[in-house]
């Protein structure tokens, strides 16, 4: 994997972290209906799983 690919992976990880943070903030505001909050919580969990997967790939590729 070349340096450009690594930078793109790092950028994707940062974007996912920012998206997960925004979702978490919306959940904390607790202004939405329960079903919407549940969906947002699911989205947050999926974003975090994706971030972890990308971090593992990045770690493997930079060994």
C-alpha atoms as a PDB file:
ATOM      1  CA  UNK A   1       0.000   0.000   0.000  1.00  0.00           C
ATOM      2  CA  UNK A   2       1.456   3.357  -0.964  1.00  0.00           C
ATOM      3  CA  UNK A   3       1.572   6.555   1.075  1.00  0.00           C
ATOM      4  CA  UNK A   4      -1.419   8.062  -0.726  1.00  0.00           C
ATOM      5  CA  UNK A   5      -3.561   5.042   0.183  1.00  0.00           C
ATOM      6  CA  UNK A   6      -2.495   5.329   3.821  1.00  0.00           C
ATOM      7  CA  UNK A   7      -3.407   9.010   3.877  1.00  0.00           C
ATOM      8  CA  UNK A   8      -6.814   8.187   2.406  1.00  0.00           C
ATOM      9  CA  UNK A   9      -7.386   5.558   5.093  1.00  0.00           C
ATOM     10  CA  UNK A  10      -6.403   8.019   7.807  1.00  0.00           C
ATOM     11  CA  UNK A  11      -8.785  10.581   6.317  1.00  0.00           C
ATOM     12  CA  UNK A  12     -11.592   8.036   6.266  1.00  0.00           C
ATOM     13  CA  UNK A  13     -10.953   7.196   9.914  1.00  0.00           C
ATOM     14  CA  UNK A  14     -11.079  10.887  10.829  1.00  0.00           C
ATOM     15  CA  UNK A  15     -14.310  11.384   8.896  1.00  0.00           C
ATOM     16  CA  UNK A  16     -15.890   8.403  10.626  1.00  0.00           C
ATOM     17  CA  UNK A  17     -14.800   9.702  14.044  1.00  0.00           C
ATOM     18  CA  UNK A  18     -16.368  13.073  13.280  1.00  0.00           C
ATOM     19  CA  UNK A  19     -19.593  11.488  12.059  1.00  0.00           C
ATOM     20  CA  UNK A  20     -19.823   9.224  15.111  1.00  0.00           C
ATOM     21  CA  UNK A  21     -19.259  12.220  17.365  1.00  0.00           C
ATOM     22  CA  UNK A  22     -22.019  14.196  15.643  1.00  0.00           C
ATOM     23  CA  UNK A  23     -24.408  11.260  15.979  1.00  0.00           C
ATOM     24  CA  UNK A  24     -23.514  10.826  19.660  1.00  0.00           C
ATOM     25  CA  UNK A  25     -24.190  14.516  20.294  1.00  0.00           C
ATOM     26  CA  UNK A  26     -27.594  14.240  18.662  1.00  0.00           C
ATOM     27  CA  UNK A  27     -28.433  11.190  20.776  1.00  0.00           C
ATOM     28  CA  UNK A  28     -27.354  13.072  23.927  1.00  0.00           C
ATOM     29  CA  UNK A  29     -29.660  15.978  23.075  1.00  0.00           C
ATOM     30  CA  UNK A  30     -32.538  13.527  23.451  1.00  0.00           C
ATOM     31  CA  UNK A  31     -34.888  15.632  21.332  1.00  0.00           C
ATOM     32  CA  UNK A  32     -35.982  12.847  19.013  1.00  0.00           C
ATOM     33  CA  UNK A  33     -38.514  10.091  19.396  1.00  0.00           C
ATOM     34  CA  UNK A  34     -37.357   6.829  20.929  1.00  0.00           C
ATOM     35  CA  UNK A  35     -37.332   4.983  17.597  1.00  0.00           C
ATOM     36  CA  UNK A  36     -35.175   7.674  15.999  1.00  0.00           C
ATOM     37  CA  UNK A  37     -32.779   7.630  18.949  1.00  0.00           C
ATOM     38  CA  UNK A  38     -32.501   3.864  18.647  1.00  0.00           C
ATOM     39  CA  UNK A  39     -31.703   4.157  14.951  1.00  0.00           C
ATOM     40  CA  UNK A  40     -29.078   6.822  15.621  1.00  0.00           C
ATOM     41  CA  UNK A  41     -27.514   4.643  18.296  1.00  0.00           C
ATOM     42  CA  UNK A  42     -27.306   1.832  15.754  1.00  0.00           C
ATOM     43  CA  UNK A  43     -25.680   4.184  13.241  1.00  0.00           C
ATOM     44  CA  UNK A  44     -23.162   5.276  15.875  1.00  0.00           C
ATOM     45  CA  UNK A  45     -22.280   1.661  16.661  1.00  0.00           C
ATOM     46  CA  UNK A  46     -21.844   0.842  12.969  1.00  0.00           C
ATOM     47  CA  UNK A  47     -19.607   3.874  12.466  1.00  0.00           C
ATOM     48  CA  UNK A  48     -17.458   2.825  15.403  1.00  0.00           C
ATOM     49  CA  UNK A  49     -17.173  -0.734  14.058  1.00  0.00           C
ATOM     50  CA  UNK A  50     -16.138   0.647  10.678  1.00  0.00           C
ATOM     51  CA  UNK A  51     -13.539   2.882  12.311  1.00  0.00           C
ATOM     52  CA  UNK A  52     -12.067  -0.049  14.229  1.00  0.00           C
ATOM     53  CA  UNK A  53     -11.909  -2.140  11.053  1.00  0.00           C
ATOM     54  CA  UNK A  54     -10.123   0.633   9.174  1.00  0.00           C
ATOM     55  CA  UNK A  55      -7.705   1.140  12.049  1.00  0.00           C
ATOM     56  CA  UNK A  56      -6.845  -2.570  11.955  1.00  0.00           C
ATOM     57  CA  UNK A  57      -6.212  -2.397   8.210  1.00  0.00           C
ATOM     58  CA  UNK A  58      -4.050   0.684   8.657  1.00  0.00           C
ATOM     59  CA  UNK A  59      -2.069  -1.001  11.426  1.00  0.00           C
ATOM     60  CA  UNK A  60      -1.527  -4.146   9.323  1.00  0.00           C
ATOM     61  CA  UNK A  61      -0.423  -2.139   6.309  1.00  0.00           C
ATOM     62  CA  UNK A  62       2.070  -0.022   8.229  1.00  0.00           C
ATOM     63  CA  UNK A  63       3.963  -2.918   9.800  1.00  0.00           C
END
